[in-house]
Amino acid sequence: MATIMNTFGGAGLSYAGQLPLRRVTGEMKKQSMVVVRAEGGGVGINPEIRKNEEKVVDSVVVTELSKNITPYCRCWRSGTFPLCDGSHVKHNKVNGDNVGPLLLKKQ
């Protein structure tokens, strides 16, 4: 399995892409997967959006969801990404940031 690593200059973002093989109609084909994470260093993820709020959280009303509310991660630190696991709380305390989850709400 091949792995590709890259860091975006100054943005604190890095990605690791893996190229596993998968069988498609008897042939082996490469399948790509990209993992993106924001890396610390005392830099907030949200440099300018709604900084007057304690925590930026948006809600979207959707009619067809299996749960009443589903939180999606926007801090890139969740161990259950793309779902939020509350990792933003620690990030916000350490970096003085105010990032929060995107909430999808069942109508």
PDB file of N, CA and C in Angstrom:
ATOM      1  N   MET A   1       0.842  -1.169   0.000  1.00  0.00           N
ATOM      2  CA  MET A   1       0.000   0.000   0.000  1.00  0.00           C
ATOM      3  C   MET A   1       0.891   1.236   0.000  1.00  0.00           C
ATOM      4  N   ALA A   2       0.678   2.178  -0.884  1.00  0.00           N
ATOM      5  CA  ALA A   2       1.464   3.406  -0.963  1.00  0.00           C
ATOM      6  C   ALA A   2       0.847   4.479  -0.087  1.00  0.00           C
ATOM      7  N   THR A   3       1.676   5.319   0.516  1.00  0.00           N
ATOM      8  CA  THR A   3       1.196   6.437   1.325  1.00  0.00           C
ATOM      9  C   THR A   3       1.832   7.711   0.817  1.00  0.00           C
ATOM     10  N   ILE A   4       1.033   8.748   0.708  1.00  0.00           N
ATOM     11  CA  ILE A   4       1.507  10.050   0.247  1.00  0.00           C
ATOM     12  C   ILE A   4       1.327  11.028   1.396  1.00  0.00           C
ATOM     13  N   MET A   5       2.357  11.797   1.743  1.00  0.00           N
ATOM     14  CA  MET A   5       2.266  12.785   2.811  1.00  0.00           C
ATOM     15  C   MET A   5       2.589  14.154   2.235  1.00  0.00           C
ATOM     16  N   ASN A   6       1.884  15.181   2.674  1.00  0.00           N
ATOM     17  CA  ASN A   6       2.163  16.537   2.239  1.00  0.00           C
ATOM     18  C   ASN A   6       1.702  17.493   3.321  1.00  0.00           C
ATOM     19  N   THR A   7       2.363  18.631   3.450  1.00  0.00           N
ATOM     20  CA  THR A   7       1.965  19.669   4.400  1.00  0.00           C
ATOM     21  C   THR A   7       1.770  20.961   3.619  1.00  0.00           C
ATOM     22  N   PHE A   8       0.665  21.648   3.891  1.00  0.00           N
ATOM     23  CA  PHE A   8       0.380  22.916   3.235  1.00  0.00           C
ATOM     24  C   PHE A   8       1.094  24.005   4.010  1.00  0.00           C
ATOM     25  N   GLY A   9       1.926  24.778   3.351  1.00  0.00           N
ATOM     26  CA  GLY A   9       2.731  25.796   4.002  1.00  0.00           C
ATOM     27  C   GLY A   9       1.923  26.805   4.798  1.00  0.00           C
ATOM     28  N   GLY A  10       2.258  26.941   6.083  1.00  0.00           N
ATOM     29  CA  GLY A  10       1.671  27.961   6.929  1.00  0.00           C
ATOM     30  C   GLY A  10       0.231  27.713   7.341  1.00  0.00           C
ATOM     31  N   ALA A  11      -0.490  26.855   6.680  1.00  0.00           N
ATOM     32  CA  ALA A  11      -1.905  26.666   6.978  1.00  0.00           C
ATOM     33  C   ALA A  11      -2.128  25.699   8.124  1.00  0.00           C
ATOM     34  N   GLY A  12      -1.098  24.935   8.517  1.00  0.00           N
ATOM     35  CA  GLY A  12      -1.259  23.982   9.595  1.00  0.00           C
ATOM     36  C   GLY A  12      -2.076  22.771   9.195  1.00  0.00           C
ATOM     37  N   LEU A  13      -2.210  22.517   7.901  1.00  0.00           N
ATOM     38  CA  LEU A  13      -2.971  21.369   7.434  1.00  0.00           C
ATOM     39  C   LEU A  13      -2.036  20.370   6.784  1.00  0.00           C
ATOM     40  N   SER A  14      -2.310  19.095   7.005  1.00  0.00           N
ATOM     41  CA  SER A  14      -1.531  18.064   6.328  1.00  0.00           C
ATOM     42  C   SER A  14      -2.483  16.983   5.866  1.00  0.00           C
ATOM     43  N   TYR A  15      -2.045  16.211   4.890  1.00  0.00           N
ATOM     44  CA  TYR A  15      -2.875  15.090   4.463  1.00  0.00           C
ATOM     45  C   TYR A  15      -1.995  13.886   4.207  1.00  0.00           C
ATOM     46  N   ALA A  16      -2.596  12.734   4.406  1.00  0.00           N
ATOM     47  CA  ALA A  16      -1.920  11.474   4.099  1.00  0.00           C
ATOM     48  C   ALA A  16      -2.858  10.688   3.214  1.00  0.00           C
ATOM     49  N   GLY A  17      -2.433  10.367   2.022  1.00  0.00           N
ATOM     50  CA  GLY A  17      -3.282   9.610   1.106  1.00  0.00           C
ATOM     51  C   GLY A  17      -2.778   8.192   0.979  1.00  0.00           C
ATOM     52  N   GLN A  18      -3.653   7.229   1.064  1.00  0.00           N
ATOM     53  CA  GLN A  18      -3.279   5.835   0.931  1.00  0.00           C
ATOM     54  C   GLN A  18      -3.887   5.280  -0.340  1.00  0.00           C
ATOM     55  N   LEU A  19      -3.149   4.445  -1.028  1.00  0.00           N
ATOM     56  CA  LEU A  19      -3.617   3.880  -2.281  1.00  0.00           C
ATOM     57  C   LEU A  19      -3.713   2.361  -2.168  1.00  0.00           C
ATOM     58  N   PRO A  20      -4.753   1.855  -1.503  1.00  0.00           N
ATOM     59  CA  PRO A  20      -4.899   0.405  -1.423  1.00  0.00           C
ATOM     60  C   PRO A  20      -5.407  -0.149  -2.744  1.00  0.00           C
ATOM     61  N   LEU A  21      -5.251  -1.440  -2.948  1.00  0.00           N
ATOM     62  CA  LEU A  21      -5.762  -2.087  -4.148  1.00  0.00           C
ATOM     63  C   LEU A  21      -7.101  -2.720  -3.840  1.00  0.00           C
ATOM     64  N   ARG A  22      -8.006  -2.713  -4.782  1.00  0.00           N
ATOM     65  CA  ARG A  22      -9.279  -3.399  -4.622  1.00  0.00           C
ATOM     66  C   ARG A  22      -9.599  -4.138  -5.900  1.00  0.00           C
ATOM     67  N   ARG A  23     -10.342  -5.223  -5.768  1.00  0.00           N
ATOM     68  CA  ARG A  23     -10.665  -6.058  -6.906  1.00  0.00           C
ATOM     69  C   ARG A  23     -11.964  -5.571  -7.545  1.00  0.00           C
ATOM     70  N   VAL A  24     -11.910  -5.270  -8.843  1.00  0.00           N
ATOM     71  CA  VAL A  24     -13.083  -4.845  -9.589  1.00  0.00           C
ATOM     72  C   VAL A  24     -13.178  -5.737 -10.814  1.00  0.00           C
ATOM     73  N   THR A  25     -14.249  -6.489 -10.906  1.00  0.00           N
ATOM     74  CA  THR A  25     -14.483  -7.422 -12.023  1.00  0.00           C
ATOM     75  C   THR A  25     -13.229  -8.221 -12.382  1.00  0.00           C
ATOM     76  N   GLY A  26     -12.600  -8.812 -11.356  1.00  0.00           N
ATOM     77  CA  GLY A  26     -11.457  -9.682 -11.589  1.00  0.00           C
ATOM     78  C   GLY A  26     -10.129  -8.960 -11.720  1.00  0.00           C
ATOM     79  N   GLU A  27     -10.116  -7.625 -11.808  1.00  0.00           N
ATOM     80  CA  GLU A  27      -8.876  -6.867 -11.940  1.00  0.00           C
ATOM     81  C   GLU A  27      -8.575  -6.135 -10.638  1.00  0.00           C
ATOM     82  N   MET A  28      -7.299  -5.914 -10.381  1.00  0.00           N
ATOM     83  CA  MET A  28      -6.910  -5.126  -9.217  1.00  0.00           C
ATOM     84  C   MET A  28      -6.844  -3.662  -9.638  1.00  0.00           C
ATOM     85  N   LYS A  29      -7.561  -2.819  -8.936  1.00  0.00           N
ATOM     86  CA  LYS A  29      -7.577  -1.385  -9.230  1.00  0.00           C
ATOM     87  C   LYS A  29      -7.106  -0.616  -8.004  1.00  0.00           C
ATOM     88  N   LYS A  30      -6.427   0.522  -8.211  1.00  0.00           N
ATOM     89  CA  LYS A  30      -6.016   1.376  -7.108  1.00  0.00           C
ATOM     90  C   LYS A  30      -7.216   2.194  -6.648  1.00  0.00           C
ATOM     91  N   GLN A  31      -7.338   2.315  -5.337  1.00  0.00           N
ATOM     92  CA  GLN A  31      -8.423   3.105  -4.749  1.00  0.00           C
ATOM     93  C   GLN A  31      -7.754   4.125  -3.843  1.00  0.00           C
ATOM     94  N   SER A  32      -8.070   5.396  -4.006  1.00  0.00           N
ATOM     95  CA  SER A  32      -7.410   6.406  -3.186  1.00  0.00           C
ATOM     96  C   SER A  32      -8.262   6.800  -1.999  1.00  0.00           C
ATOM     97  N   MET A  33      -7.590   7.169  -0.911  1.00  0.00           N
ATOM     98  CA  MET A  33      -8.232   7.644   0.294  1.00  0.00           C
ATOM     99  C   MET A  33      -7.366   8.786   0.806  1.00  0.00           C
ATOM    100  N   VAL A  34      -7.967   9.889   1.182  1.00  0.00           N
ATOM    101  CA  VAL A  34      -7.212  11.025   1.680  1.00  0.00           C
ATOM    102  C   VAL A  34      -7.668  11.328   3.101  1.00  0.00           C
ATOM    103  N   VAL A  35      -6.716  11.465   4.013  1.00  0.00           N
ATOM    104  CA  VAL A  35      -6.990  11.842   5.388  1.00  0.00           C
ATOM    105  C   VAL A  35      -6.420  13.235   5.583  1.00  0.00           C
ATOM    106  N   VAL A  36      -7.240  14.169   6.040  1.00  0.00           N
ATOM    107  CA  VAL A  36      -6.790  15.553   6.240  1.00  0.00           C
ATOM    108  C   VAL A  36      -6.924  15.885   7.710  1.00  0.00           C
ATOM    109  N   ARG A  37      -5.887  16.462   8.303  1.00  0.00           N
ATOM    110  CA  ARG A  37      -5.981  16.900   9.686  1.00  0.00           C
ATOM    111  C   ARG A  37      -5.356  18.273   9.843  1.00  0.00           C
ATOM    112  N   ALA A  38      -5.956  19.076  10.701  1.00  0.00           N
ATOM    113  CA  ALA A  38      -5.385  20.373  11.057  1.00  0.00           C
ATOM    114  C   ALA A  38      -4.434  20.129  12.216  1.00  0.00           C
ATOM    115  N   GLU A  39      -3.241  20.666  12.119  1.00  0.00           N
ATOM    116  CA  GLU A  39      -2.256  20.452  13.161  1.00  0.00           C
ATOM    117  C   GLU A  39      -2.064  21.724  13.954  1.00  0.00           C
ATOM    118  N   GLY A  40      -1.854  21.566  15.253  1.00  0.00           N
ATOM    119  CA  GLY A  40      -1.775  22.664  16.213  1.00  0.00           C
ATOM    120  C   GLY A  40      -0.654  23.639  15.981  1.00  0.00           C
ATOM    121  N   GLY A  41      -0.013  24.016  17.041  1.00  0.00           N
ATOM    122  CA  GLY A  41       0.999  25.041  16.967  1.00  0.00           C
ATOM    123  C   GLY A  41       0.426  26.364  17.460  1.00  0.00           C
ATOM    124  N   GLY A  42      -0.685  26.303  18.212  1.00  0.00           N
ATOM    125  CA  GLY A  42      -1.273  27.513  18.755  1.00  0.00           C
ATOM    126  C   GLY A  42      -2.040  28.336  17.745  1.00  0.00           C
ATOM    127  N   VAL A  43      -2.360  27.765  16.605  1.00  0.00           N
ATOM    128  CA  VAL A  43      -3.076  28.497  15.566  1.00  0.00           C
ATOM    129  C   VAL A  43      -4.526  28.039  15.559  1.00  0.00           C
ATOM    130  N   GLY A  44      -5.459  28.998  15.579  1.00  0.00           N
ATOM    131  CA  GLY A  44      -6.868  28.655  15.522  1.00  0.00           C
ATOM    132  C   GLY A  44      -7.275  28.231  14.122  1.00  0.00           C
ATOM    133  N   ILE A  45      -8.361  27.496  14.035  1.00  0.00           N
ATOM    134  CA  ILE A  45      -8.889  27.060  12.749  1.00  0.00           C
ATOM    135  C   ILE A  45      -9.745  28.155  12.131  1.00  0.00           C
ATOM    136  N   ASN A  46     -10.402  28.920  12.990  1.00  0.00           N
ATOM    137  CA  ASN A  46     -11.314  29.958  12.537  1.00  0.00           C
ATOM    138  C   ASN A  46     -10.692  31.335  12.776  1.00  0.00           C
ATOM    139  N   PRO A  47      -9.996  31.906  11.780  1.00  0.00           N
ATOM    140  CA  PRO A  47      -9.313  33.176  11.992  1.00  0.00           C
ATOM    141  C   PRO A  47     -10.221  34.404  11.983  1.00  0.00           C
ATOM    142  N   GLU A  48     -11.450  34.311  11.400  1.00  0.00           N
ATOM    143  CA  GLU A  48     -12.228  35.545  11.281  1.00  0.00           C
ATOM    144  C   GLU A  48     -13.748  35.413  11.292  1.00  0.00           C
ATOM    145  N   ILE A  49     -14.311  34.224  11.236  1.00  0.00           N
ATOM    146  CA  ILE A  49     -15.762  34.089  11.097  1.00  0.00           C
ATOM    147  C   ILE A  49     -16.443  34.140  12.458  1.00  0.00           C
ATOM    148  N   ARG A  50     -17.337  35.100  12.666  1.00  0.00           N
ATOM    149  CA  ARG A  50     -18.179  35.229  13.865  1.00  0.00           C
ATOM    150  C   ARG A  50     -17.371  35.108  15.155  1.00  0.00           C
ATOM    151  N   LYS A  51     -16.266  35.838  15.252  1.00  0.00           N
ATOM    152  CA  LYS A  51     -15.382  35.766  16.409  1.00  0.00           C
ATOM    153  C   LYS A  51     -16.012  36.360  17.667  1.00  0.00           C
ATOM    154  N   ASN A  52     -17.128  37.079  17.548  1.00  0.00           N
ATOM    155  CA  ASN A  52     -17.805  37.637  18.717  1.00  0.00           C
ATOM    156  C   ASN A  52     -18.643  36.591  19.452  1.00  0.00           C
ATOM    157  N   GLU A  53     -18.796  35.393  18.887  1.00  0.00           N
ATOM    158  CA  GLU A  53     -19.559  34.319  19.513  1.00  0.00           C
ATOM    159  C   GLU A  53     -18.625  33.403  20.295  1.00  0.00           C
ATOM    160  N   GLU A  54     -19.137  32.849  21.420  1.00  0.00           N
ATOM    161  CA  GLU A  54     -18.325  31.937  22.230  1.00  0.00           C
ATOM    162  C   GLU A  54     -17.938  30.692  21.455  1.00  0.00           C
ATOM    163  N   LYS A  55     -18.909  30.131  20.697  1.00  0.00           N
ATOM    164  CA  LYS A  55     -18.650  28.950  19.874  1.00  0.00           C
ATOM    165  C   LYS A  55     -19.517  29.041  18.627  1.00  0.00           C
ATOM    166  N   VAL A  56     -18.910  28.867  17.450  1.00  0.00           N
ATOM    167  CA  VAL A  56     -19.643  28.925  16.191  1.00  0.00           C
ATOM    168  C   VAL A  56     -20.269  27.563  15.927  1.00  0.00           C
ATOM    169  N   VAL A  57     -21.602  27.518  15.958  1.00  0.00           N
ATOM    170  CA  VAL A  57     -22.350  26.288  15.692  1.00  0.00           C
ATOM    171  C   VAL A  57     -23.466  26.648  14.726  1.00  0.00           C
ATOM    172  N   ASP A  58     -23.586  25.922  13.633  1.00  0.00           N
ATOM    173  CA  ASP A  58     -24.659  26.133  12.675  1.00  0.00           C
ATOM    174  C   ASP A  58     -25.588  24.931  12.698  1.00  0.00           C
ATOM    175  N   SER A  59     -26.854  25.160  12.376  1.00  0.00           N
ATOM    176  CA  SER A  59     -27.841  24.083  12.309  1.00  0.00           C
ATOM    177  C   SER A  59     -28.473  24.047  10.934  1.00  0.00           C
ATOM    178  N   VAL A  60     -28.758  22.850  10.463  1.00  0.00           N
ATOM    179  CA  VAL A  60     -29.434  22.645   9.189  1.00  0.00           C
ATOM    180  C   VAL A  60     -30.610  21.732   9.462  1.00  0.00           C
ATOM    181  N   VAL A  61     -31.793  22.090   8.996  1.00  0.00           N
ATOM    182  CA  VAL A  61     -32.966  21.241   9.189  1.00  0.00           C
ATOM    183  C   VAL A  61     -33.118  20.336   7.972  1.00  0.00           C
ATOM    184  N   VAL A  62     -33.171  19.037   8.217  1.00  0.00           N
ATOM    185  CA  VAL A  62     -33.278  18.042   7.158  1.00  0.00           C
ATOM    186  C   VAL A  62     -34.453  17.136   7.504  1.00  0.00           C
ATOM    187  N   THR A  63     -35.254  16.769   6.523  1.00  0.00           N
ATOM    188  CA  THR A  63     -36.441  15.962   6.802  1.00  0.00           C
ATOM    189  C   THR A  63     -36.155  14.474   6.920  1.00  0.00           C
ATOM    190  N   GLU A  64     -35.130  13.974   6.262  1.00  0.00           N
ATOM    191  CA  GLU A  64     -34.876  12.537   6.267  1.00  0.00           C
ATOM    192  C   GLU A  64     -33.555  12.196   6.949  1.00  0.00           C
ATOM    193  N   LEU A  65     -33.570  12.135   8.270  1.00  0.00           N
ATOM    194  CA  LEU A  65     -32.418  11.710   9.054  1.00  0.00           C
ATOM    195  C   LEU A  65     -32.848  10.578   9.971  1.00  0.00           C
ATOM    196  N   SER A  66     -31.929   9.685  10.308  1.00  0.00           N
ATOM    197  CA  SER A  66     -32.280   8.577  11.195  1.00  0.00           C
ATOM    198  C   SER A  66     -32.317   9.023  12.656  1.00  0.00           C
ATOM    199  N   LYS A  67     -31.563  10.054  13.011  1.00  0.00           N
ATOM    200  CA  LYS A  67     -31.538  10.572  14.384  1.00  0.00           C
ATOM    201  C   LYS A  67     -32.128  11.985  14.392  1.00  0.00           C
ATOM    202  N   ASN A  68     -32.564  12.436  15.555  1.00  0.00           N
ATOM    203  CA  ASN A  68     -33.129  13.785  15.661  1.00  0.00           C
ATOM    204  C   ASN A  68     -32.094  14.870  15.434  1.00  0.00           C
ATOM    205  N   ILE A  69     -30.846  14.624  15.851  1.00  0.00           N
ATOM    206  CA  ILE A  69     -29.772  15.585  15.653  1.00  0.00           C
ATOM    207  C   ILE A  69     -28.468  14.826  15.399  1.00  0.00           C
ATOM    208  N   THR A  70     -27.700  15.275  14.414  1.00  0.00           N
ATOM    209  CA  THR A  70     -26.418  14.650  14.075  1.00  0.00           C
ATOM    210  C   THR A  70     -25.360  15.743  13.989  1.00  0.00           C
ATOM    211  N   PRO A  71     -24.361  15.733  14.901  1.00  0.00           N
ATOM    212  CA  PRO A  71     -23.302  16.747  14.871  1.00  0.00           C
ATOM    213  C   PRO A  71     -22.134  16.326  13.971  1.00  0.00           C
ATOM    214  N   TYR A  72     -21.734  17.202  13.057  1.00  0.00           N
ATOM    215  CA  TYR A  72     -20.591  16.951  12.171  1.00  0.00           C
ATOM    216  C   TYR A  72     -19.423  17.840  12.578  1.00  0.00           C
ATOM    217  N   CYS A  73     -18.238  17.264  12.600  1.00  0.00           N
ATOM    218  CA  CYS A  73     -17.020  17.943  13.032  1.00  0.00           C
ATOM    219  C   CYS A  73     -16.596  19.026  12.049  1.00  0.00           C
ATOM    220  N   ARG A  74     -16.180  20.193  12.595  1.00  0.00           N
ATOM    221  CA  ARG A  74     -15.595  21.242  11.772  1.00  0.00           C
ATOM    222  C   ARG A  74     -14.229  21.662  12.295  1.00  0.00           C
ATOM    223  N   CYS A  75     -13.723  20.956  13.326  1.00  0.00           N
ATOM    224  CA  CYS A  75     -12.404  21.314  13.864  1.00  0.00           C
ATOM    225  C   CYS A  75     -11.302  20.383  13.357  1.00  0.00           C
ATOM    226  N   TRP A  76     -11.651  19.318  12.681  1.00  0.00           N
ATOM    227  CA  TRP A  76     -10.713  18.344  12.101  1.00  0.00           C
ATOM    228  C   TRP A  76      -9.963  17.564  13.166  1.00  0.00           C
ATOM    229  N   ARG A  77     -10.447  17.525  14.416  1.00  0.00           N
ATOM    230  CA  ARG A  77      -9.750  16.814  15.475  1.00  0.00           C
ATOM    231  C   ARG A  77     -10.547  15.635  16.025  1.00  0.00           C
ATOM    232  N   SER A  78     -11.734  15.418  15.526  1.00  0.00           N
ATOM    233  CA  SER A  78     -12.606  14.369  16.039  1.00  0.00           C
ATOM    234  C   SER A  78     -12.048  12.976  15.773  1.00  0.00           C
ATOM    235  N   GLY A  79     -12.096  12.127  16.783  1.00  0.00           N
ATOM    236  CA  GLY A  79     -11.694  10.736  16.617  1.00  0.00           C
ATOM    237  C   GLY A  79     -12.740   9.926  15.868  1.00  0.00           C
ATOM    238  N   THR A  80     -13.915  10.523  15.674  1.00  0.00           N
ATOM    239  CA  THR A  80     -15.003   9.856  14.954  1.00  0.00           C
ATOM    240  C   THR A  80     -15.349  10.616  13.671  1.00  0.00           C
ATOM    241  N   PHE A  81     -14.372  11.372  13.140  1.00  0.00           N
ATOM    242  CA  PHE A  81     -14.599  12.189  11.949  1.00  0.00           C
ATOM    243  C   PHE A  81     -15.246  11.378  10.838  1.00  0.00           C
ATOM    244  N   PRO A  82     -16.278  11.858  10.175  1.00  0.00           N
ATOM    245  CA  PRO A  82     -16.730  13.245  10.113  1.00  0.00           C
ATOM    246  C   PRO A  82     -17.704  13.640  11.212  1.00  0.00           C
ATOM    247  N   LEU A  83     -18.056  12.725  12.118  1.00  0.00           N
ATOM    248  CA  LEU A  83     -18.957  13.085  13.209  1.00  0.00           C
ATOM    249  C   LEU A  83     -18.181  13.746  14.341  1.00  0.00           C
ATOM    250  N   CYS A  84     -18.824  14.668  15.038  1.00  0.00           N
ATOM    251  CA  CYS A  84     -18.203  15.389  16.152  1.00  0.00           C
ATOM    252  C   CYS A  84     -18.154  14.507  17.388  1.00  0.00           C
ATOM    253  N   ASP A  85     -17.010  14.518  18.084  1.00  0.00           N
ATOM    254  CA  ASP A  85     -16.899  13.807  19.363  1.00  0.00           C
ATOM    255  C   ASP A  85     -16.586  14.766  20.504  1.00  0.00           C
ATOM    256  N   GLY A  86     -16.682  16.080  20.250  1.00  0.00           N
ATOM    257  CA  GLY A  86     -16.424  17.084  21.278  1.00  0.00           C
ATOM    258  C   GLY A  86     -14.976  17.519  21.367  1.00  0.00           C
ATOM    259  N   SER A  87     -14.123  17.080  20.465  1.00  0.00           N
ATOM    260  CA  SER A  87     -12.700  17.434  20.497  1.00  0.00           C
ATOM    261  C   SER A  87     -12.472  18.939  20.364  1.00  0.00           C
ATOM    262  N   HIS A  88     -13.435  19.650  19.804  1.00  0.00           N
ATOM    263  CA  HIS A  88     -13.301  21.101  19.632  1.00  0.00           C
ATOM    264  C   HIS A  88     -13.195  21.829  20.973  1.00  0.00           C
ATOM    265  N   VAL A  89     -13.752  21.245  22.035  1.00  0.00           N
ATOM    266  CA  VAL A  89     -13.724  21.898  23.349  1.00  0.00           C
ATOM    267  C   VAL A  89     -12.282  22.101  23.803  1.00  0.00           C
ATOM    268  N   LYS A  90     -11.468  21.038  23.742  1.00  0.00           N
ATOM    269  CA  LYS A  90     -10.059  21.131  24.125  1.00  0.00           C
ATOM    270  C   LYS A  90      -9.319  22.079  23.182  1.00  0.00           C
ATOM    271  N   HIS A  91      -9.562  21.936  21.876  1.00  0.00           N
ATOM    272  CA  HIS A  91      -8.914  22.812  20.889  1.00  0.00           C
ATOM    273  C   HIS A  91      -9.220  24.280  21.188  1.00  0.00           C
ATOM    274  N   ASN A  92     -10.495  24.591  21.467  1.00  0.00           N
ATOM    275  CA  ASN A  92     -10.888  25.981  21.731  1.00  0.00           C
ATOM    276  C   ASN A  92     -10.187  26.531  22.973  1.00  0.00           C
ATOM    277  N   LYS A  93     -10.065  25.724  24.041  1.00  0.00           N
ATOM    278  CA  LYS A  93      -9.394  26.179  25.264  1.00  0.00           C
ATOM    279  C   LYS A  93      -7.915  26.443  25.019  1.00  0.00           C
ATOM    280  N   VAL A  94      -7.249  25.554  24.295  1.00  0.00           N
ATOM    281  CA  VAL A  94      -5.814  25.671  24.046  1.00  0.00           C
ATOM    282  C   VAL A  94      -5.500  26.852  23.124  1.00  0.00           C
ATOM    283  N   ASN A  95      -6.332  27.046  22.080  1.00  0.00           N
ATOM    284  CA  ASN A  95      -6.020  28.025  21.044  1.00  0.00           C
ATOM    285  C   ASN A  95      -6.835  29.308  21.109  1.00  0.00           C
ATOM    286  N   GLY A  96      -7.781  29.410  22.048  1.00  0.00           N
ATOM    287  CA  GLY A  96      -8.624  30.599  22.107  1.00  0.00           C
ATOM    288  C   GLY A  96      -9.538  30.708  20.906  1.00  0.00           C
ATOM    289  N   ASP A  97      -9.838  29.584  20.276  1.00  0.00           N
ATOM    290  CA  ASP A  97     -10.689  29.545  19.088  1.00  0.00           C
ATOM    291  C   ASP A  97     -12.144  29.376  19.520  1.00  0.00           C
ATOM    292  N   ASN A  98     -13.065  29.403  18.587  1.00  0.00           N
ATOM    293  CA  ASN A  98     -14.487  29.244  18.921  1.00  0.00           C
ATOM    294  C   ASN A  98     -15.207  28.312  17.957  1.00  0.00           C
ATOM    295  N   VAL A  99     -14.496  27.367  17.370  1.00  0.00           N
ATOM    296  CA  VAL A  99     -15.102  26.460  16.394  1.00  0.00           C
ATOM    297  C   VAL A  99     -16.007  25.455  17.108  1.00  0.00           C
ATOM    298  N   GLY A 100     -17.117  25.127  16.477  1.00  0.00           N
ATOM    299  CA  GLY A 100     -18.067  24.143  17.002  1.00  0.00           C
ATOM    300  C   GLY A 100     -18.586  23.287  15.860  1.00  0.00           C
ATOM    301  N   PRO A 101     -19.481  22.342  16.152  1.00  0.00           N
ATOM    302  CA  PRO A 101     -19.956  21.421  15.120  1.00  0.00           C
ATOM    303  C   PRO A 101     -21.026  22.015  14.224  1.00  0.00           C
ATOM    304  N   LEU A 102     -21.253  21.359  13.104  1.00  0.00           N
ATOM    305  CA  LEU A 102     -22.410  21.617  12.256  1.00  0.00           C
ATOM    306  C   LEU A 102     -23.468  20.632  12.713  1.00  0.00           C
ATOM    307  N   LEU A 103     -24.655  21.129  13.081  1.00  0.00           N
ATOM    308  CA  LEU A 103     -25.726  20.265  13.571  1.00  0.00           C
ATOM    309  C   LEU A 103     -26.770  20.073  12.489  1.00  0.00           C
ATOM    310  N   LEU A 104     -27.000  18.816  12.107  1.00  0.00           N
ATOM    311  CA  LEU A 104     -28.085  18.503  11.189  1.00  0.00           C
ATOM    312  C   LEU A 104     -29.260  18.058  12.050  1.00  0.00           C
ATOM    313  N   LYS A 105     -30.399  18.764  11.927  1.00  0.00           N
ATOM    314  CA  LYS A 105     -31.555  18.494  12.748  1.00  0.00           C
ATOM    315  C   LYS A 105     -32.692  17.935  11.901  1.00  0.00           C
ATOM    316  N   LYS A 106     -33.320  16.887  12.427  1.00  0.00           N
ATOM    317  CA  LYS A 106     -34.472  16.276  11.751  1.00  0.00           C
ATOM    318  C   LYS A 106     -35.674  17.187  11.927  1.00  0.00           C
ATOM    319  N   GLN A 107     -36.403  17.396  10.859  1.00  0.00           N
ATOM    320  CA  GLN A 107     -37.566  18.284  10.908  1.00  0.00           C
ATOM    321  C   GLN A 107     -38.788  17.524  11.318  1.00  0.00           C
TER     322      GLN A 107
END
